[in-house]
């Protein structure tokens, strides 16, 4: 089994290297043929129902920082590029592009005739507006740091100019980005959900309501959002790649990421897709009753970690953070509680992500070393150590069991930990941003197949999603250098140096990389899952082989949009 896992890891790494980070040839256009919508035996119509673990904080793409909003936004909007099943950047709103030899000027030719959901055609000026929003001088947004390399970006942020010099609409269908310095993974960055194209007049008309009633160009149009209940989308008849097969998509909201409850609803026929809870894996594998369902097992580019608030005492002391790492047997937690085939983590980058370092040692379970470090920090056998709060948003049975295990391991160290749960994601997000949580459980999912998408958001001192408030000038310097480094070997070397520095600084306990197990109802067809996970499943490709219109378990959807 270990040999099989190693081989799998190697293949995943080679896969991503071969297809994702191969630099585009200068001046060579990339094109994508319009997909064929008519296939023999394909049924159109019906409603696809899937789980959403929490209410999103927002559906405004520029403001996205969570997977819940990202899952929905990707069905409503399009960007210039998208990723295929092998994570290769492919055309989306951009029909083709070319770059200058120095890599500083990128020119994109847009598809003609693509329309926003309210009817107006998309133009190059819409791309200029959408990207300019990401350099908001009044608010630090998730991708602001990336877009500062655009010519005139810093001047715009500082209020010295009214426009970003390097964002240009050359004509109605030609958009150009001019950089002040290379951004090695620009093409991949343009696959971020934050960089999709929005209509200026609707953003300005709706104001803050745009975050709850978005208008895009995607395969599905927003209908309504009932907090804690559901988000409903309907098919876009005018979608540039052809109308989706489905009529409706419903995201059923299970506040607290309650996998067990969702699984029960799936078995009752109320969901069409579900993640198998840890406690049900063995049952699903051996019980013949489950054979009628389709099972998809997929590794993902994700990492679960327990973060320390490094601005809070006693977690401002590296010896304390290291002691906690040695005190917890993450291997036992993953193998005995988390399960689902999840991989024990040694570093923040998952296998399959370029820059993943298989030689990173991680922290072995070593209680004696943990106690020695805690004593050196001034807390012999935990004496004088303040009672700790360990926070989480996930309330599945597996999540709660994992937290109880942490509580027990820390008790062995002489530290008392209280487990706390946030009521919903927006509340949890606000507490994290305000730096009020001493220890917290989080999962980071890759938005794009690039190591910068893990390391910079989680570790750069200026990042709004740096929840541990980690600050190391050398790490900041390496991350900034790596973004400008076109030579891939040098770039990866810098990311690996970052990982070794962070390993010693221990801003978190890295637990595992999830291998997700999905079940689909037997009639669901056209499922395409990449290493980026369920958020990136192109729902416009899904069709229902047999739609039981007479079934009372199906939802009746009112598709009158809310505005």
Foldseek 3Di string as FASTA:
>chain_A
DVVVVVVVLVVLQVLCVVAAQDDDDAPDKAADDQDDDDDPLFFFEDEAEAAQAFDAPFLQLQADDDLRSLLVNVQFFDFQWAADQSQHTHGDQFRIWGAHPQQFKIKTFGDWPQAKLVGHTAWLVLLQVLVLVNLDLVDPTQCNVVCCQWAQSVCVSVVNDPGRPQWDRPDGGMTMTGGNFFQQNVSLVRNFSSSTGADPVVCVVCPRCCRFQPMYRGQWHWAHDDGQAKTKTAGRCSRPSHTFRYGIYIHGYNFQSAQVVVVVCVVVVQHFKGFHQPVCVVVCVPPPVNVQWDKDWFFAFKFKWKFFQCVDPPNVDLLLLLLLQLLAALVCLCVPQRDSPWAFDQFGTDRSFQLDDPPRDRHHNDNVSSQVSCVVSPQRLNNPPDAAEEEERHDYPSVVVSVVRSQVSVVSSVHHYDYYYDRGDVVVLVCLLVSPHRIYIDMDFASHRHPLSRPVCCAAQPHSNVSNNHDDVLLNVLSVVLSNDNPSVVSSVSSNVSRNVCSSSNRIRTRTRHTIMMIGRNQKDQWRAHNSGDSSTNSSRIGGSDHPPVDPSGDDDDRRHDD
